[in-house]
């Protein structure tokens, strides 16, 4: 479980295809804190640490993860948002994030304001019921509040700290991002589906 509060921006140091899997070596200032079998969110995707090196570590993405996220588009030197799993007793500064990306979204507008930025994203219409005005969403692992929602679009506002300390400063029109919708909404929708047969 995560909160959507980014703790570091890492760099993709190496990419190795292995059958239908891809191994990523991640160079990170958090590497010394990690242990094998630990879960870490990478752009909002929960991946398991499988090897640790001096200043980097390796994770593996399987076919299902590659199909549902933007990991298959990653290149060497790509900047990646990192978050370690929530510890019991920690403050929940963002919202409950599972690290299970639902879909990707495309940036269709980036607007620079005086002191902040607006990003508008388009996502698959099939997920429209999972997003509400002023609700929570996780974009590339960052917990954000959505507004100006449409059937397949939403907007988020980014403050300077978030812009500088995440990979949002690399997002431009046409960029593909990972999106996880609020888990509470998923359970409500599922309950309604089951109750209505």
N, C-alpha and C. Protein backbone atom coordinates (compact mmCIF):
# COMPACT_ATOMS: atom_id res chain seq x y z
N UNK A 1 0.85 -1.19 0.00
CA UNK A 1 0.00 0.00 0.00
C UNK A 1 0.88 1.24 0.00
N UNK A 2 0.46 2.25 -0.78
CA UNK A 2 1.22 3.48 -0.93
C UNK A 2 0.29 4.67 -0.69
N UNK A 3 0.84 5.88 -0.78
CA UNK A 3 0.04 7.07 -0.52
C UNK A 3 0.05 8.07 -1.67
N UNK A 4 0.93 7.86 -2.66
CA UNK A 4 1.02 8.80 -3.77
C UNK A 4 1.88 10.01 -3.47
N UNK A 5 2.71 9.90 -2.42
CA UNK A 5 3.66 10.97 -2.09
C UNK A 5 5.04 10.50 -2.52
N UNK A 6 5.60 11.12 -3.55
CA UNK A 6 6.85 10.67 -4.16
C UNK A 6 8.02 10.98 -3.24
N UNK A 7 8.92 9.99 -3.07
CA UNK A 7 10.07 10.14 -2.18
C UNK A 7 11.37 10.38 -2.92
N UNK A 8 11.42 10.03 -4.19
CA UNK A 8 12.65 10.25 -4.97
C UNK A 8 12.32 10.10 -6.45
N UNK A 9 13.16 10.70 -7.27
CA UNK A 9 13.11 10.48 -8.72
C UNK A 9 14.34 9.69 -9.09
N UNK A 10 14.13 8.53 -9.70
CA UNK A 10 15.22 7.63 -10.06
C UNK A 10 15.45 7.67 -11.57
N UNK A 11 16.47 6.94 -12.01
CA UNK A 11 16.82 6.86 -13.42
C UNK A 11 16.87 5.41 -13.87
N UNK A 12 16.29 5.13 -15.03
CA UNK A 12 16.39 3.78 -15.60
C UNK A 12 17.80 3.62 -16.15
N UNK A 13 18.57 2.73 -15.52
CA UNK A 13 19.98 2.56 -15.90
C UNK A 13 20.18 1.49 -16.96
N UNK A 14 19.28 0.48 -16.97
CA UNK A 14 19.42 -0.59 -17.96
C UNK A 14 18.07 -1.27 -18.14
N UNK A 15 17.87 -1.82 -19.34
CA UNK A 15 16.63 -2.51 -19.70
C UNK A 15 17.02 -3.81 -20.40
N UNK A 16 16.52 -4.94 -19.88
CA UNK A 16 16.87 -6.23 -20.46
C UNK A 16 15.60 -7.04 -20.69
N UNK A 17 15.32 -7.37 -21.94
CA UNK A 17 14.18 -8.22 -22.27
C UNK A 17 14.52 -9.66 -21.93
N UNK A 18 13.53 -10.38 -21.40
CA UNK A 18 13.71 -11.78 -21.00
C UNK A 18 12.41 -12.51 -21.28
N UNK A 19 12.27 -13.05 -22.49
CA UNK A 19 11.01 -13.65 -22.90
C UNK A 19 9.94 -12.58 -22.95
N UNK A 20 8.82 -12.80 -22.25
CA UNK A 20 7.75 -11.80 -22.21
C UNK A 20 7.94 -10.79 -21.08
N UNK A 21 9.00 -10.97 -20.30
CA UNK A 21 9.29 -10.06 -19.19
C UNK A 21 10.33 -9.02 -19.60
N UNK A 22 10.37 -7.94 -18.83
CA UNK A 22 11.44 -6.96 -18.97
C UNK A 22 12.01 -6.68 -17.59
N UNK A 23 13.36 -6.76 -17.49
CA UNK A 23 14.06 -6.40 -16.27
C UNK A 23 14.53 -4.96 -16.39
N UNK A 24 14.29 -4.18 -15.34
CA UNK A 24 14.75 -2.80 -15.30
C UNK A 24 15.75 -2.65 -14.15
N UNK A 25 16.90 -2.08 -14.45
CA UNK A 25 17.84 -1.70 -13.40
C UNK A 25 17.61 -0.22 -13.13
N UNK A 26 17.33 0.09 -11.87
CA UNK A 26 16.95 1.44 -11.46
C UNK A 26 18.05 2.03 -10.59
N UNK A 27 18.62 3.15 -11.02
CA UNK A 27 19.61 3.88 -10.23
C UNK A 27 18.86 4.87 -9.35
N UNK A 28 19.04 4.72 -8.02
CA UNK A 28 18.20 5.49 -7.11
C UNK A 28 18.92 5.83 -5.82
N UNK A 29 18.66 7.02 -5.27
CA UNK A 29 19.22 7.36 -3.96
C UNK A 29 18.60 6.53 -2.83
N UNK A 30 17.51 5.82 -3.12
CA UNK A 30 16.86 4.99 -2.10
C UNK A 30 17.40 3.56 -2.09
N UNK A 31 18.31 3.24 -3.01
CA UNK A 31 18.78 1.85 -3.16
C UNK A 31 19.29 1.25 -1.85
N UNK A 32 20.02 2.06 -1.06
CA UNK A 32 20.61 1.55 0.18
C UNK A 32 19.56 1.21 1.24
N UNK A 33 18.32 1.70 1.06
CA UNK A 33 17.25 1.42 2.02
C UNK A 33 16.48 0.14 1.68
N UNK A 34 16.74 -0.42 0.51
CA UNK A 34 15.90 -1.50 0.01
C UNK A 34 16.45 -2.88 0.41
N UNK A 35 15.58 -3.86 0.31
CA UNK A 35 15.98 -5.26 0.46
C UNK A 35 15.23 -6.07 -0.60
N UNK A 36 15.80 -7.21 -0.94
CA UNK A 36 15.16 -8.09 -1.93
C UNK A 36 13.78 -8.50 -1.44
N UNK A 37 12.83 -8.55 -2.36
CA UNK A 37 11.43 -8.92 -2.10
C UNK A 37 10.60 -7.76 -1.58
N UNK A 38 11.17 -6.56 -1.55
CA UNK A 38 10.43 -5.38 -1.10
C UNK A 38 9.64 -4.79 -2.26
N UNK A 39 8.47 -4.22 -1.96
CA UNK A 39 7.65 -3.58 -2.96
C UNK A 39 7.96 -2.09 -3.03
N UNK A 40 8.13 -1.60 -4.25
CA UNK A 40 8.39 -0.18 -4.49
C UNK A 40 7.50 0.27 -5.65
N UNK A 41 6.88 1.43 -5.51
CA UNK A 41 6.06 1.98 -6.59
C UNK A 41 6.95 2.77 -7.54
N UNK A 42 6.87 2.43 -8.85
CA UNK A 42 7.63 3.09 -9.90
C UNK A 42 6.63 3.73 -10.85
N UNK A 43 6.55 5.07 -10.85
CA UNK A 43 5.50 5.75 -11.63
C UNK A 43 4.13 5.16 -11.29
N UNK A 44 3.96 4.79 -10.01
CA UNK A 44 2.68 4.26 -9.55
C UNK A 44 2.52 2.77 -9.72
N UNK A 45 3.51 2.08 -10.28
CA UNK A 45 3.42 0.64 -10.52
C UNK A 45 4.19 -0.08 -9.42
N UNK A 46 3.50 -0.94 -8.68
CA UNK A 46 4.15 -1.71 -7.62
C UNK A 46 4.98 -2.84 -8.25
N UNK A 47 6.30 -2.78 -8.03
CA UNK A 47 7.22 -3.79 -8.53
C UNK A 47 8.07 -4.33 -7.38
N UNK A 48 8.46 -5.58 -7.48
CA UNK A 48 9.25 -6.23 -6.44
C UNK A 48 10.74 -6.13 -6.74
N UNK A 49 11.50 -5.73 -5.74
CA UNK A 49 12.95 -5.68 -5.87
C UNK A 49 13.49 -7.11 -5.91
N UNK A 50 14.24 -7.46 -6.97
CA UNK A 50 14.74 -8.83 -7.10
C UNK A 50 16.26 -8.93 -6.93
N UNK A 51 16.97 -7.83 -7.14
CA UNK A 51 18.41 -7.79 -6.90
C UNK A 51 18.78 -6.39 -6.47
N UNK A 52 19.82 -6.29 -5.64
CA UNK A 52 20.30 -4.99 -5.18
C UNK A 52 21.80 -4.89 -5.47
N UNK A 53 22.20 -3.72 -6.01
CA UNK A 53 23.59 -3.44 -6.31
C UNK A 53 24.05 -2.27 -5.43
N UNK A 54 25.20 -1.72 -5.70
CA UNK A 54 25.74 -0.67 -4.83
C UNK A 54 24.85 0.57 -4.78
N UNK A 55 24.46 1.07 -5.94
CA UNK A 55 23.63 2.27 -5.96
C UNK A 55 22.42 2.10 -6.88
N UNK A 56 22.04 0.86 -7.12
CA UNK A 56 20.89 0.57 -7.98
C UNK A 56 20.30 -0.77 -7.59
N UNK A 57 19.20 -1.11 -8.24
CA UNK A 57 18.53 -2.38 -7.96
C UNK A 57 17.76 -2.81 -9.20
N UNK A 58 17.31 -4.06 -9.20
CA UNK A 58 16.59 -4.59 -10.36
C UNK A 58 15.17 -4.98 -9.99
N UNK A 59 14.24 -4.69 -10.90
CA UNK A 59 12.85 -5.12 -10.78
C UNK A 59 12.45 -5.77 -12.11
N UNK A 60 11.40 -6.58 -12.07
CA UNK A 60 10.94 -7.27 -13.26
C UNK A 60 9.47 -6.96 -13.50
N UNK A 61 9.15 -6.62 -14.75
CA UNK A 61 7.76 -6.39 -15.15
C UNK A 61 7.31 -7.53 -16.05
N UNK A 62 6.18 -8.15 -15.71
CA UNK A 62 5.63 -9.25 -16.51
C UNK A 62 4.72 -8.69 -17.59
N UNK A 63 4.26 -9.56 -18.47
CA UNK A 63 3.47 -9.14 -19.64
C UNK A 63 2.22 -8.36 -19.24
N UNK A 64 1.51 -8.80 -18.19
CA UNK A 64 0.30 -8.11 -17.75
C UNK A 64 0.61 -6.67 -17.34
N UNK A 65 1.69 -6.48 -16.60
CA UNK A 65 2.09 -5.14 -16.18
C UNK A 65 2.48 -4.28 -17.38
N UNK A 66 3.22 -4.86 -18.30
CA UNK A 66 3.64 -4.11 -19.49
C UNK A 66 2.46 -3.70 -20.35
N UNK A 67 1.41 -4.53 -20.38
CA UNK A 67 0.22 -4.22 -21.20
C UNK A 67 -0.64 -3.12 -20.59
N UNK A 68 -0.64 -3.00 -19.26
CA UNK A 68 -1.54 -2.07 -18.58
C UNK A 68 -0.90 -0.73 -18.22
N UNK A 69 0.42 -0.63 -18.38
CA UNK A 69 1.14 0.56 -17.92
C UNK A 69 2.00 1.15 -19.04
N UNK A 70 2.74 2.19 -18.70
CA UNK A 70 3.64 2.79 -19.69
C UNK A 70 5.06 2.24 -19.60
N UNK A 71 5.27 1.16 -18.83
CA UNK A 71 6.62 0.62 -18.65
C UNK A 71 7.24 0.14 -19.96
N UNK A 72 6.42 -0.34 -20.88
CA UNK A 72 6.96 -0.83 -22.15
C UNK A 72 7.55 0.30 -23.00
N UNK A 73 7.25 1.55 -22.66
CA UNK A 73 7.79 2.69 -23.40
C UNK A 73 9.04 3.27 -22.74
N UNK A 74 9.38 2.76 -21.56
CA UNK A 74 10.55 3.30 -20.86
C UNK A 74 11.83 3.12 -21.68
N UNK A 75 12.73 4.09 -21.58
CA UNK A 75 14.02 4.05 -22.25
C UNK A 75 15.11 4.27 -21.21
N UNK A 76 16.34 3.94 -21.56
CA UNK A 76 17.45 4.23 -20.65
C UNK A 76 17.49 5.73 -20.37
N UNK A 77 17.83 6.08 -19.16
CA UNK A 77 17.90 7.46 -18.65
C UNK A 77 16.53 8.07 -18.39
N UNK A 78 15.45 7.30 -18.55
CA UNK A 78 14.11 7.77 -18.20
C UNK A 78 14.05 8.09 -16.71
N UNK A 79 13.35 9.17 -16.37
CA UNK A 79 13.17 9.55 -14.97
C UNK A 79 11.88 8.93 -14.44
N UNK A 80 11.98 8.31 -13.27
CA UNK A 80 10.87 7.54 -12.71
C UNK A 80 10.60 7.98 -11.28
N UNK A 81 9.32 8.22 -10.96
CA UNK A 81 8.91 8.56 -9.60
C UNK A 81 8.92 7.31 -8.72
N UNK A 82 9.51 7.42 -7.52
CA UNK A 82 9.57 6.29 -6.60
C UNK A 82 8.85 6.60 -5.29
N UNK A 83 8.21 5.56 -4.75
CA UNK A 83 7.65 5.63 -3.41
C UNK A 83 7.80 4.28 -2.74
N UNK A 84 8.33 4.28 -1.52
CA UNK A 84 8.40 3.06 -0.73
C UNK A 84 7.04 2.79 -0.12
N UNK A 85 6.79 1.54 0.23
CA UNK A 85 5.50 1.15 0.80
C UNK A 85 5.25 1.88 2.12
N UNK A 86 3.98 2.13 2.38
CA UNK A 86 3.54 2.80 3.60
C UNK A 86 3.83 1.94 4.82
N UNK A 87 4.43 2.54 5.86
CA UNK A 87 4.65 1.84 7.12
C UNK A 87 3.44 2.05 8.03
N UNK A 88 3.11 1.05 8.83
CA UNK A 88 2.03 1.20 9.81
C UNK A 88 2.40 2.35 10.74
N UNK A 89 1.46 3.25 10.94
CA UNK A 89 1.69 4.39 11.82
C UNK A 89 2.14 5.64 11.10
N UNK A 90 2.50 5.53 9.81
CA UNK A 90 2.88 6.72 9.04
C UNK A 90 1.67 7.58 8.76
N UNK A 91 1.92 8.86 8.51
CA UNK A 91 0.85 9.76 8.10
C UNK A 91 0.41 9.41 6.68
N UNK A 92 -0.88 9.49 6.43
CA UNK A 92 -1.42 9.27 5.09
C UNK A 92 -1.61 10.64 4.45
N UNK A 93 -0.53 11.17 3.86
CA UNK A 93 -0.56 12.53 3.32
C UNK A 93 -1.26 12.62 1.96
N UNK A 94 -1.33 11.51 1.23
CA UNK A 94 -2.01 11.53 -0.07
C UNK A 94 -3.35 10.82 0.05
N UNK A 95 -3.49 9.67 -0.61
CA UNK A 95 -4.67 8.82 -0.46
C UNK A 95 -4.21 7.38 -0.61
N UNK A 96 -5.10 6.43 -0.32
CA UNK A 96 -4.72 5.02 -0.43
C UNK A 96 -4.46 4.66 -1.88
N UNK A 97 -3.24 4.22 -2.16
CA UNK A 97 -2.82 3.83 -3.50
C UNK A 97 -2.30 2.40 -3.43
N UNK A 98 -2.79 1.53 -4.29
CA UNK A 98 -2.38 0.13 -4.26
C UNK A 98 -1.13 -0.15 -5.09
N UNK A 99 -0.84 0.70 -6.05
CA UNK A 99 0.26 0.42 -6.96
C UNK A 99 -0.17 -0.49 -8.10
N UNK A 100 -1.49 -0.63 -8.26
CA UNK A 100 -2.06 -1.46 -9.32
C UNK A 100 -2.68 -0.53 -10.36
N UNK A 101 -1.91 -0.22 -11.39
CA UNK A 101 -2.34 0.75 -12.40
C UNK A 101 -3.53 0.19 -13.18
N UNK A 102 -4.54 1.04 -13.36
CA UNK A 102 -5.75 0.63 -14.09
C UNK A 102 -5.61 0.81 -15.59
N UNK A 103 -4.93 1.87 -15.99
CA UNK A 103 -4.85 2.21 -17.42
C UNK A 103 -3.78 3.26 -17.61
N UNK A 104 -3.52 3.57 -18.86
CA UNK A 104 -2.67 4.72 -19.17
C UNK A 104 -3.57 5.85 -19.67
N UNK A 105 -3.04 7.06 -19.56
CA UNK A 105 -3.73 8.24 -20.06
C UNK A 105 -2.74 9.05 -20.87
N UNK A 106 -3.26 9.89 -21.76
CA UNK A 106 -2.42 10.71 -22.62
C UNK A 106 -2.58 12.18 -22.26
N UNK A 107 -1.47 12.88 -22.09
CA UNK A 107 -1.53 14.31 -21.84
C UNK A 107 -1.97 15.02 -23.12
N UNK A 108 -3.07 15.74 -23.04
CA UNK A 108 -3.58 16.44 -24.21
C UNK A 108 -3.41 17.95 -24.10
N UNK A 109 -3.03 18.42 -22.90
CA UNK A 109 -2.76 19.85 -22.75
C UNK A 109 -1.88 20.07 -21.52
N UNK A 110 -0.90 20.94 -21.70
CA UNK A 110 -0.06 21.39 -20.59
C UNK A 110 -0.05 22.91 -20.62
N UNK A 111 -0.53 23.49 -19.54
CA UNK A 111 -0.64 24.95 -19.51
C UNK A 111 0.18 25.49 -18.35
N UNK A 112 1.07 26.42 -18.65
CA UNK A 112 1.89 27.04 -17.62
C UNK A 112 1.20 28.30 -17.12
N UNK A 113 0.94 28.34 -15.83
CA UNK A 113 0.36 29.52 -15.20
C UNK A 113 1.46 30.24 -14.43
N UNK A 114 1.11 31.31 -13.75
CA UNK A 114 2.11 32.03 -12.97
C UNK A 114 2.26 31.33 -11.62
N UNK A 115 3.15 30.35 -11.55
CA UNK A 115 3.40 29.66 -10.30
C UNK A 115 2.83 28.27 -10.20
N UNK A 116 2.16 27.79 -11.23
CA UNK A 116 1.65 26.41 -11.23
C UNK A 116 1.45 25.96 -12.67
N UNK A 117 1.07 24.70 -12.82
CA UNK A 117 0.84 24.13 -14.14
C UNK A 117 -0.46 23.34 -14.13
N UNK A 118 -1.17 23.40 -15.24
CA UNK A 118 -2.37 22.58 -15.43
C UNK A 118 -2.06 21.53 -16.48
N UNK A 119 -2.41 20.28 -16.17
CA UNK A 119 -2.26 19.18 -17.12
C UNK A 119 -3.64 18.58 -17.35
N UNK A 120 -3.99 18.40 -18.62
CA UNK A 120 -5.25 17.74 -18.96
C UNK A 120 -4.91 16.41 -19.62
N UNK A 121 -5.60 15.35 -19.17
CA UNK A 121 -5.33 14.00 -19.65
C UNK A 121 -6.59 13.37 -20.23
N UNK A 122 -6.40 12.52 -21.23
CA UNK A 122 -7.49 11.71 -21.79
C UNK A 122 -7.24 10.26 -21.42
N UNK A 123 -8.29 9.59 -20.92
CA UNK A 123 -8.17 8.21 -20.47
C UNK A 123 -9.29 7.37 -21.11
N UNK A 124 -9.20 6.03 -21.04
CA UNK A 124 -10.22 5.19 -21.66
C UNK A 124 -11.60 5.42 -21.02
N UNK A 125 -12.60 5.65 -21.83
CA UNK A 125 -13.95 5.95 -21.37
C UNK A 125 -14.53 4.86 -20.47
N UNK A 126 -14.05 3.64 -20.61
CA UNK A 126 -14.56 2.53 -19.78
C UNK A 126 -14.37 2.78 -18.29
N UNK A 127 -13.46 3.69 -17.93
CA UNK A 127 -13.18 3.97 -16.51
C UNK A 127 -13.91 5.22 -16.01
N UNK A 128 -14.82 5.77 -16.78
CA UNK A 128 -15.47 7.05 -16.44
C UNK A 128 -16.17 7.03 -15.08
N UNK A 129 -16.75 5.89 -14.70
CA UNK A 129 -17.49 5.81 -13.43
C UNK A 129 -16.57 5.87 -12.21
N UNK A 130 -15.26 5.74 -12.41
CA UNK A 130 -14.32 5.69 -11.29
C UNK A 130 -13.68 7.04 -10.96
N UNK A 131 -14.15 8.08 -11.61
CA UNK A 131 -13.55 9.39 -11.39
C UNK A 131 -14.65 10.40 -11.07
N UNK A 132 -14.43 11.20 -10.03
CA UNK A 132 -15.42 12.20 -9.62
C UNK A 132 -14.74 13.55 -9.45
N UNK A 133 -15.51 14.62 -9.61
CA UNK A 133 -15.01 15.97 -9.44
C UNK A 133 -14.45 16.15 -8.03
N UNK A 134 -13.23 16.67 -7.94
CA UNK A 134 -12.51 16.89 -6.68
C UNK A 134 -12.17 15.59 -5.96
N UNK A 135 -12.20 14.47 -6.69
CA UNK A 135 -11.80 13.19 -6.12
C UNK A 135 -10.30 12.99 -6.27
N UNK A 136 -9.82 11.88 -5.74
CA UNK A 136 -8.39 11.56 -5.80
C UNK A 136 -8.08 10.68 -6.99
N UNK A 137 -6.88 10.88 -7.53
CA UNK A 137 -6.38 10.04 -8.60
C UNK A 137 -4.86 9.94 -8.43
N UNK A 138 -4.28 8.89 -8.97
CA UNK A 138 -2.83 8.71 -8.92
C UNK A 138 -2.30 8.73 -10.35
N UNK A 139 -1.46 9.71 -10.66
CA UNK A 139 -0.89 9.87 -12.00
C UNK A 139 0.63 9.70 -11.89
N UNK A 140 1.16 8.67 -12.55
CA UNK A 140 2.60 8.36 -12.44
C UNK A 140 3.04 8.27 -10.99
N UNK A 141 2.14 7.73 -10.15
CA UNK A 141 2.46 7.54 -8.74
C UNK A 141 2.21 8.72 -7.85
N UNK A 142 1.75 9.84 -8.40
CA UNK A 142 1.53 11.07 -7.63
C UNK A 142 0.05 11.20 -7.28
N UNK A 143 -0.24 11.35 -5.98
CA UNK A 143 -1.61 11.56 -5.51
C UNK A 143 -2.04 12.98 -5.84
N UNK A 144 -3.14 13.10 -6.60
CA UNK A 144 -3.61 14.40 -7.06
C UNK A 144 -5.13 14.50 -6.94
N UNK A 145 -5.62 15.74 -6.97
CA UNK A 145 -7.06 16.01 -6.99
C UNK A 145 -7.47 16.36 -8.42
N UNK A 146 -8.54 15.73 -8.90
CA UNK A 146 -8.99 15.97 -10.27
C UNK A 146 -10.10 17.01 -10.29
N UNK A 147 -10.20 17.74 -11.41
CA UNK A 147 -11.30 18.68 -11.61
C UNK A 147 -11.55 18.82 -13.11
N UNK A 148 -12.60 19.52 -13.45
CA UNK A 148 -13.02 19.68 -14.85
C UNK A 148 -13.06 18.32 -15.55
N UNK A 149 -13.73 17.35 -14.93
CA UNK A 149 -13.75 16.01 -15.51
C UNK A 149 -14.79 15.93 -16.62
N UNK A 150 -14.49 15.09 -17.59
CA UNK A 150 -15.42 14.77 -18.66
C UNK A 150 -15.57 13.27 -18.72
N UNK A 151 -16.24 12.77 -19.72
CA UNK A 151 -16.46 11.33 -19.83
C UNK A 151 -15.14 10.58 -20.02
N UNK A 152 -14.14 11.25 -20.60
CA UNK A 152 -12.85 10.59 -20.80
C UNK A 152 -11.67 11.54 -20.62
N UNK A 153 -11.87 12.62 -19.86
CA UNK A 153 -10.81 13.60 -19.64
C UNK A 153 -10.85 14.13 -18.21
N UNK A 154 -9.71 14.57 -17.72
CA UNK A 154 -9.65 15.23 -16.42
C UNK A 154 -8.45 16.17 -16.40
N UNK A 155 -8.48 17.10 -15.45
CA UNK A 155 -7.40 18.08 -15.28
C UNK A 155 -6.86 17.98 -13.87
N UNK A 156 -5.55 18.18 -13.72
CA UNK A 156 -4.92 18.29 -12.41
C UNK A 156 -4.06 19.54 -12.40
N UNK A 157 -3.91 20.11 -11.21
CA UNK A 157 -3.05 21.28 -11.03
C UNK A 157 -1.80 20.85 -10.27
N UNK A 158 -0.65 21.31 -10.72
CA UNK A 158 0.63 20.92 -10.14
C UNK A 158 1.33 22.14 -9.56
N UNK A 159 1.69 22.06 -8.27
CA UNK A 159 2.41 23.14 -7.62
C UNK A 159 3.90 23.04 -7.95
N UNK A 160 4.65 24.11 -7.75
CA UNK A 160 6.07 24.07 -8.10
C UNK A 160 6.86 22.96 -7.42
N UNK A 161 6.60 22.65 -6.15
CA UNK A 161 7.34 21.59 -5.46
C UNK A 161 7.14 20.26 -6.18
N UNK A 162 5.89 19.93 -6.48
CA UNK A 162 5.60 18.66 -7.16
C UNK A 162 6.21 18.65 -8.56
N UNK A 163 6.13 19.76 -9.25
CA UNK A 163 6.68 19.86 -10.60
C UNK A 163 8.18 19.58 -10.60
N UNK A 164 8.87 20.11 -9.60
CA UNK A 164 10.33 19.97 -9.52
C UNK A 164 10.76 18.62 -8.98
N UNK A 165 10.03 18.08 -8.00
CA UNK A 165 10.46 16.88 -7.28
C UNK A 165 9.82 15.59 -7.77
N UNK A 166 9.16 15.62 -8.91
CA UNK A 166 8.64 14.42 -9.57
C UNK A 166 9.00 14.50 -11.05
N UNK A 167 8.57 13.50 -11.83
CA UNK A 167 8.85 13.59 -13.26
C UNK A 167 7.77 14.35 -14.03
N UNK A 168 6.91 15.10 -13.33
CA UNK A 168 5.91 15.92 -14.03
C UNK A 168 6.57 16.96 -14.93
N UNK A 169 7.76 17.42 -14.59
CA UNK A 169 8.41 18.42 -15.45
C UNK A 169 8.82 17.84 -16.80
N UNK A 170 8.81 16.49 -16.92
CA UNK A 170 9.12 15.85 -18.20
C UNK A 170 7.87 15.53 -19.03
N UNK A 171 6.70 15.72 -18.44
CA UNK A 171 5.46 15.39 -19.15
C UNK A 171 5.09 16.54 -20.09
N UNK A 172 4.85 16.19 -21.35
CA UNK A 172 4.44 17.17 -22.36
C UNK A 172 3.19 16.63 -23.05
N UNK A 173 2.61 17.44 -23.91
CA UNK A 173 1.47 16.96 -24.69
C UNK A 173 1.90 15.73 -25.49
N UNK A 174 1.11 14.68 -25.41
CA UNK A 174 1.43 13.42 -26.08
C UNK A 174 2.07 12.39 -25.17
N UNK A 175 2.55 12.81 -24.00
CA UNK A 175 3.16 11.87 -23.05
C UNK A 175 2.11 10.89 -22.53
N UNK A 176 2.54 9.65 -22.32
CA UNK A 176 1.68 8.60 -21.77
C UNK A 176 2.02 8.41 -20.30
N UNK A 177 1.00 8.45 -19.44
CA UNK A 177 1.22 8.31 -18.00
C UNK A 177 0.39 7.14 -17.46
N UNK A 178 0.79 6.65 -16.29
CA UNK A 178 0.04 5.61 -15.60
C UNK A 178 -1.03 6.24 -14.71
N UNK A 179 -2.20 5.60 -14.68
CA UNK A 179 -3.30 6.12 -13.88
C UNK A 179 -3.87 5.01 -13.02
N UNK A 180 -4.00 5.30 -11.72
CA UNK A 180 -4.73 4.42 -10.81
C UNK A 180 -5.89 5.21 -10.22
N UNK A 181 -7.11 4.71 -10.42
CA UNK A 181 -8.29 5.37 -9.89
C UNK A 181 -8.47 5.00 -8.42
N UNK A 182 -9.22 5.80 -7.69
CA UNK A 182 -9.42 5.61 -6.25
C UNK A 182 -10.03 4.24 -5.96
N UNK A 183 -9.37 3.47 -5.11
CA UNK A 183 -9.80 2.10 -4.80
C UNK A 183 -11.18 2.07 -4.16
N UNK A 184 -11.56 3.11 -3.42
CA UNK A 184 -12.88 3.13 -2.79
C UNK A 184 -13.98 3.14 -3.85
N UNK A 185 -13.76 3.89 -4.92
CA UNK A 185 -14.73 3.92 -6.01
C UNK A 185 -14.85 2.57 -6.69
N UNK A 186 -13.75 1.85 -6.80
CA UNK A 186 -13.77 0.53 -7.44
C UNK A 186 -14.65 -0.43 -6.65
N UNK A 187 -14.52 -0.42 -5.33
CA UNK A 187 -15.33 -1.32 -4.51
C UNK A 187 -16.81 -0.97 -4.58
N UNK A 188 -17.13 0.33 -4.62
CA UNK A 188 -18.53 0.74 -4.72
C UNK A 188 -19.14 0.29 -6.05
N UNK A 189 -18.39 0.47 -7.13
CA UNK A 189 -18.89 0.06 -8.45
C UNK A 189 -19.06 -1.46 -8.49
N UNK A 190 -18.10 -2.19 -7.95
CA UNK A 190 -18.19 -3.66 -7.95
C UNK A 190 -19.38 -4.14 -7.12
N UNK A 191 -19.61 -3.52 -5.98
CA UNK A 191 -20.75 -3.91 -5.13
C UNK A 191 -22.06 -3.71 -5.88
N UNK A 192 -22.15 -2.57 -6.57
CA UNK A 192 -23.37 -2.29 -7.34
C UNK A 192 -23.57 -3.32 -8.45
N UNK A 193 -22.48 -3.69 -9.10
CA UNK A 193 -22.58 -4.70 -10.17
C UNK A 193 -23.07 -6.03 -9.61
N UNK A 194 -22.53 -6.43 -8.47
CA UNK A 194 -22.91 -7.72 -7.86
C UNK A 194 -24.34 -7.69 -7.37
N UNK A 195 -24.71 -6.60 -6.70
CA UNK A 195 -26.08 -6.47 -6.15
C UNK A 195 -27.14 -6.44 -7.26
N UNK A 196 -26.78 -5.89 -8.41
CA UNK A 196 -27.74 -5.79 -9.52
C UNK A 196 -27.65 -6.98 -10.47
N UNK A 197 -26.82 -7.96 -10.08
CA UNK A 197 -26.75 -9.20 -10.85
C UNK A 197 -26.13 -9.03 -12.20
